[in-house]
Amino acid sequence: MNAQTRIAHLKESILSSDHFSWEAWLKETLSCFDCTTGTIHILESGTDLLMLEAQVGVPDFLLPKMSVVPVGKGMAGIAAERKQAVQVCNLQTDESGVVRPGAKDTKVEGAITVPLLLEGKLYGTLGIAKKMPYEFTEKEVADLLSITGVMAGKVR
C-alpha cells in the first residue's frame, strides 16, 4: 500500500471510529511518514495548556517535561500559537529557539509539529520525528494537516 493510500485509510479510520484511539492513530501516522517518535497533545478546554494524550518513542524520563506544554513553548506550543506547522531539519543542532533543551534527549533529528485545527479553531498538536536529519516537504505538511484536521473533529 503506498503512502497516499495509507493516509486515506488512516483518515477514514479516524472518521469512522466511535472511540478515541489516539495511540493507534499516532502509530499509524508514524508509519505513514516513516517516523519513530511522536506525540499528540490536546488543548485543555479554557486554558492555554496542551496535555499529552499519546506518545510513541519518547524516553520515560522526558514524559514529565512533555505531559503539559504551555502554548508558545517548545515545538508543540509554538505550532499551537502560530496555528501552523513548525519543523526543524536537525533537532540536535537546531538553534532557532523553538526546540526546548530536553527535546534533544529524544535522540531524534528531523522533526515537525502540526496543529490540530478545525474551522480555524485549535484543538491540539501532533508531532512526529525521524532518527535522521530531514525536512518535510510541502506535500507531507499538507498531508499531516489533513490528518490532524480529521483528528480535531474527534476532540470537539
C-alpha atoms as a PDB file:
ATOM      1  CA  MET A   1       0.000   0.000   0.000  1.00  0.00           C
ATOM      2  CA  ASN A   2       1.512   3.374  -0.974  1.00  0.00           C
ATOM      3  CA  ALA A   3       1.715   6.350   1.376  1.00  0.00           C
ATOM      4  CA  GLN A   4      -1.296   8.194  -0.071  1.00  0.00           C
ATOM      5  CA  THR A   5      -3.484   5.092   0.249  1.00  0.00           C
ATOM      6  CA  ARG A   6      -2.312   4.587   3.829  1.00  0.00           C
ATOM      7  CA  ILE A   7      -3.049   8.237   4.664  1.00  0.00           C
ATOM      8  CA  ALA A   8      -6.542   7.964   3.148  1.00  0.00           C
ATOM      9  CA  HIS A   9      -7.123   4.734   5.109  1.00  0.00           C
ATOM     10  CA  LEU A  10      -5.953   6.419   8.348  1.00  0.00           C
ATOM     11  CA  LYS A  11      -8.290   9.388   7.836  1.00  0.00           C
ATOM     12  CA  GLU A  12     -11.210   7.052   7.112  1.00  0.00           C
ATOM     13  CA  SER A  13     -10.387   5.015  10.216  1.00  0.00           C
ATOM     14  CA  ILE A  14     -10.427   8.157  12.367  1.00  0.00           C
ATOM     15  CA  LEU A  15     -13.672   9.399  10.810  1.00  0.00           C
ATOM     16  CA  SER A  16     -15.489   6.110  11.250  1.00  0.00           C
ATOM     17  CA  SER A  17     -14.296   5.421  14.799  1.00  0.00           C
ATOM     18  CA  ASP A  18     -16.739   5.794  17.677  1.00  0.00           C
ATOM     19  CA  HIS A  19     -13.975   5.949  20.291  1.00  0.00           C
ATOM     20  CA  PHE A  20     -10.687   7.739  20.708  1.00  0.00           C
ATOM     21  CA  SER A  21      -7.700   5.706  19.560  1.00  0.00           C
ATOM     22  CA  TRP A  22      -5.038   8.392  19.924  1.00  0.00           C
ATOM     23  CA  GLU A  23      -2.144   5.965  20.340  1.00  0.00           C
ATOM     24  CA  ALA A  24      -3.258   3.776  17.411  1.00  0.00           C
ATOM     25  CA  TRP A  25      -3.762   6.864  15.209  1.00  0.00           C
ATOM     26  CA  LEU A  26      -0.342   8.180  16.228  1.00  0.00           C
ATOM     27  CA  LYS A  27       1.343   4.849  15.447  1.00  0.00           C
ATOM     28  CA  GLU A  28      -0.310   4.736  12.017  1.00  0.00           C
ATOM     29  CA  THR A  29       0.731   8.340  11.314  1.00  0.00           C
ATOM     30  CA  LEU A  30       4.313   7.492  12.254  1.00  0.00           C
ATOM     31  CA  SER A  31       4.184   4.545   9.879  1.00  0.00           C
ATOM     32  CA  CYS A  32       2.805   6.664   7.024  1.00  0.00           C
ATOM     33  CA  PHE A  33       5.718   9.108   7.327  1.00  0.00           C
ATOM     34  CA  ASP A  34       8.441   6.599   8.246  1.00  0.00           C
ATOM     35  CA  CYS A  35       8.965   8.182  11.673  1.00  0.00           C
ATOM     36  CA  THR A  36       9.942   6.630  15.000  1.00  0.00           C
ATOM     37  CA  THR A  37       8.800   9.097  17.620  1.00  0.00           C
ATOM     38  CA  GLY A  38       5.632  11.104  18.063  1.00  0.00           C
ATOM     39  CA  THR A  39       3.242  12.893  20.379  1.00  0.00           C
ATOM     40  CA  ILE A  40      -0.340  14.071  20.381  1.00  0.00           C
ATOM     41  CA  HIS A  41      -1.228  16.918  22.714  1.00  0.00           C
ATOM     42  CA  ILE A  42      -4.811  18.086  23.243  1.00  0.00           C
ATOM     43  CA  LEU A  43      -5.625  21.665  24.235  1.00  0.00           C
ATOM     44  CA  GLU A  44      -7.263  21.640  27.646  1.00  0.00           C
ATOM     45  CA  SER A  45     -10.577  23.462  27.414  1.00  0.00           C
ATOM     46  CA  GLY A  46     -10.484  27.014  28.722  1.00  0.00           C
ATOM     47  CA  THR A  47      -6.694  27.079  29.124  1.00  0.00           C
ATOM     48  CA  ASP A  48      -3.515  27.674  27.156  1.00  0.00           C
ATOM     49  CA  LEU A  49      -2.171  24.239  28.111  1.00  0.00           C
ATOM     50  CA  LEU A  50      -1.537  21.288  25.803  1.00  0.00           C
ATOM     51  CA  MET A  51      -1.984  17.963  27.600  1.00  0.00           C
ATOM     52  CA  LEU A  52      -0.113  14.867  26.406  1.00  0.00           C
ATOM     53  CA  GLU A  53      -2.717  12.414  25.120  1.00  0.00           C
ATOM     54  CA  ALA A  54      -0.489   9.847  23.368  1.00  0.00           C
ATOM     55  CA  GLN A  55       3.188   9.264  22.703  1.00  0.00           C
ATOM     56  CA  VAL A  56       5.388   6.746  20.960  1.00  0.00           C
ATOM     57  CA  GLY A  57       9.151   6.503  21.394  1.00  0.00           C
ATOM     58  CA  VAL A  58       9.600   9.258  23.974  1.00  0.00           C
ATOM     59  CA  PRO A  59      12.026   8.204  26.743  1.00  0.00           C
ATOM     60  CA  ASP A  60      10.232   7.785  30.096  1.00  0.00           C
ATOM     61  CA  PHE A  61      12.421  10.358  31.826  1.00  0.00           C
ATOM     62  CA  LEU A  62      11.192  13.052  29.391  1.00  0.00           C
ATOM     63  CA  LEU A  63       7.475  12.391  29.873  1.00  0.00           C
ATOM     64  CA  PRO A  64       7.096  14.691  32.918  1.00  0.00           C
ATOM     65  CA  LYS A  65       8.539  17.582  30.861  1.00  0.00           C
ATOM     66  CA  MET A  66       6.197  16.833  27.933  1.00  0.00           C
ATOM     67  CA  SER A  67       2.974  15.999  29.749  1.00  0.00           C
ATOM     68  CA  VAL A  68       1.846  19.643  29.980  1.00  0.00           C
ATOM     69  CA  VAL A  69       3.089  22.162  27.406  1.00  0.00           C
ATOM     70  CA  PRO A  70       2.112  25.835  27.535  1.00  0.00           C
ATOM     71  CA  VAL A  71       1.013  27.344  24.238  1.00  0.00           C
ATOM     72  CA  GLY A  72       4.006  29.280  22.921  1.00  0.00           C
ATOM     73  CA  LYS A  73       6.687  26.983  24.450  1.00  0.00           C
ATOM     74  CA  GLY A  74       8.620  24.343  22.510  1.00  0.00           C
ATOM     75  CA  MET A  75       7.659  22.973  19.115  1.00  0.00           C
ATOM     76  CA  ALA A  76       4.153  21.905  20.196  1.00  0.00           C
ATOM     77  CA  GLY A  77       3.436  25.199  21.912  1.00  0.00           C
ATOM     78  CA  ILE A  78       4.726  27.294  19.018  1.00  0.00           C
ATOM     79  CA  ALA A  79       2.782  25.251  16.432  1.00  0.00           C
ATOM     80  CA  ALA A  80      -0.313  25.782  18.580  1.00  0.00           C
ATOM     81  CA  GLU A  81       0.332  29.506  18.988  1.00  0.00           C
ATOM     82  CA  ARG A  82       1.002  30.086  15.277  1.00  0.00           C
ATOM     83  CA  LYS A  83      -1.636  27.568  14.126  1.00  0.00           C
ATOM     84  CA  GLN A  84       0.845  26.306  11.565  1.00  0.00           C
ATOM     85  CA  ALA A  85       3.474  23.620  11.140  1.00  0.00           C
ATOM     86  CA  VAL A  86       6.826  24.088  12.871  1.00  0.00           C
ATOM     87  CA  GLN A  87       9.741  21.917  11.806  1.00  0.00           C
ATOM     88  CA  VAL A  88      13.452  21.526  12.290  1.00  0.00           C
ATOM     89  CA  CYS A  89      15.725  19.589   9.962  1.00  0.00           C
ATOM     90  CA  ASN A  90      18.000  18.505  12.797  1.00  0.00           C
ATOM     91  CA  LEU A  91      16.664  18.850  16.313  1.00  0.00           C
ATOM     92  CA  GLN A  92      20.108  18.002  17.720  1.00  0.00           C
ATOM     93  CA  THR A  93      21.800  21.049  16.202  1.00  0.00           C
ATOM     94  CA  ASP A  94      18.852  23.469  15.997  1.00  0.00           C
ATOM     95  CA  GLU A  95      19.486  26.977  17.288  1.00  0.00           C
ATOM     96  CA  SER A  96      16.183  28.583  16.234  1.00  0.00           C
ATOM     97  CA  GLY A  97      14.830  28.715  19.768  1.00  0.00           C
ATOM     98  CA  VAL A  98      11.769  26.564  19.066  1.00  0.00           C
ATOM     99  CA  VAL A  99      13.360  23.393  20.469  1.00  0.00           C
ATOM    100  CA  ARG A 100      13.304  23.061  24.254  1.00  0.00           C
ATOM    101  CA  PRO A 101      16.579  21.842  25.788  1.00  0.00           C
ATOM    102  CA  GLY A 102      15.157  18.492  26.968  1.00  0.00           C
ATOM    103  CA  ALA A 103      13.855  17.666  23.495  1.00  0.00           C
ATOM    104  CA  LYS A 104      17.378  16.868  22.343  1.00  0.00           C
ATOM    105  CA  ASP A 105      17.313  13.902  24.740  1.00  0.00           C
ATOM    106  CA  THR A 106      14.828  12.171  22.408  1.00  0.00           C
ATOM    107  CA  LYS A 107      17.790  11.463  20.082  1.00  0.00           C
ATOM    108  CA  VAL A 108      15.673  12.302  17.017  1.00  0.00           C
ATOM    109  CA  GLU A 109      16.688  14.788  14.348  1.00  0.00           C
ATOM    110  CA  GLY A 110      14.129  15.635  11.628  1.00  0.00           C
ATOM    111  CA  ALA A 111      11.012  16.793  13.495  1.00  0.00           C
ATOM    112  CA  ILE A 112       7.711  18.508  12.726  1.00  0.00           C
ATOM    113  CA  THR A 113       4.729  19.539  14.824  1.00  0.00           C
ATOM    114  CA  VAL A 114       1.417  20.469  13.231  1.00  0.00           C
ATOM    115  CA  PRO A 115      -1.695  21.887  14.876  1.00  0.00           C
ATOM    116  CA  LEU A 116      -4.993  20.034  15.148  1.00  0.00           C
ATOM    117  CA  LEU A 117      -7.226  22.649  13.537  1.00  0.00           C
ATOM    118  CA  LEU A 118     -10.850  22.553  12.508  1.00  0.00           C
ATOM    119  CA  GLU A 119     -12.512  25.625  11.010  1.00  0.00           C
ATOM    120  CA  GLY A 120      -9.602  27.707  12.320  1.00  0.00           C
ATOM    121  CA  LYS A 121     -10.037  26.554  15.922  1.00  0.00           C
ATOM    122  CA  LEU A 122      -7.109  24.920  17.730  1.00  0.00           C
ATOM    123  CA  TYR A 123      -7.686  21.527  19.385  1.00  0.00           C
ATOM    124  CA  GLY A 124      -4.110  20.349  19.932  1.00  0.00           C
ATOM    125  CA  THR A 125      -0.915  19.313  18.142  1.00  0.00           C
ATOM    126  CA  LEU A 126       0.692  16.281  16.541  1.00  0.00           C
ATOM    127  CA  GLY A 127       4.464  15.956  16.499  1.00  0.00           C
ATOM    128  CA  ILE A 128       6.469  13.335  14.616  1.00  0.00           C
ATOM    129  CA  ALA A 129      10.193  12.812  14.142  1.00  0.00           C
ATOM    130  CA  LYS A 130      12.811  10.745  12.342  1.00  0.00           C
ATOM    131  CA  LYS A 131      16.164   9.465  13.585  1.00  0.00           C
ATOM    132  CA  MET A 132      17.992  11.344  10.804  1.00  0.00           C
ATOM    133  CA  PRO A 133      18.113  14.959   9.594  1.00  0.00           C
ATOM    134  CA  TYR A 134      15.060  15.551   7.427  1.00  0.00           C
ATOM    135  CA  GLU A 135      12.968  18.392   6.065  1.00  0.00           C
ATOM    136  CA  PHE A 136       9.324  17.526   5.489  1.00  0.00           C
ATOM    137  CA  THR A 137       8.055  18.510   2.038  1.00  0.00           C
ATOM    138  CA  GLU A 138       5.122  20.834   1.374  1.00  0.00           C
ATOM    139  CA  LYS A 139       3.112  17.763   0.327  1.00  0.00           C
ATOM    140  CA  GLU A 140       3.949  15.958   3.569  1.00  0.00           C
ATOM    141  CA  VAL A 141       2.988  19.040   5.597  1.00  0.00           C
ATOM    142  CA  ALA A 142      -0.333  19.242   3.707  1.00  0.00           C
ATOM    143  CA  ASP A 143      -0.940  15.522   4.308  1.00  0.00           C
ATOM    144  CA  LEU A 144      -0.217  15.919   8.023  1.00  0.00           C
ATOM    145  CA  LEU A 145      -2.575  18.902   8.245  1.00  0.00           C
ATOM    146  CA  SER A 146      -5.307  16.884   6.532  1.00  0.00           C
ATOM    147  CA  ILE A 147      -4.832  14.085   9.095  1.00  0.00           C
ATOM    148  CA  THR A 148      -4.845  16.475  12.052  1.00  0.00           C
ATOM    149  CA  GLY A 149      -7.942  18.196  10.682  1.00  0.00           C
ATOM    150  CA  VAL A 150      -9.770  14.878  10.913  1.00  0.00           C
ATOM    151  CA  MET A 151      -8.322  14.248  14.396  1.00  0.00           C
ATOM    152  CA  ALA A 152      -9.507  17.689  15.533  1.00  0.00           C
ATOM    153  CA  GLY A 153     -13.063  16.676  14.656  1.00  0.00           C
ATOM    154  CA  LYS A 154     -12.826  13.930  17.282  1.00  0.00           C
ATOM    155  CA  VAL A 155     -11.865  16.376  20.050  1.00  0.00           C
ATOM    156  CA  ARG A 156     -14.858  18.666  19.904  1.00  0.00           C
END
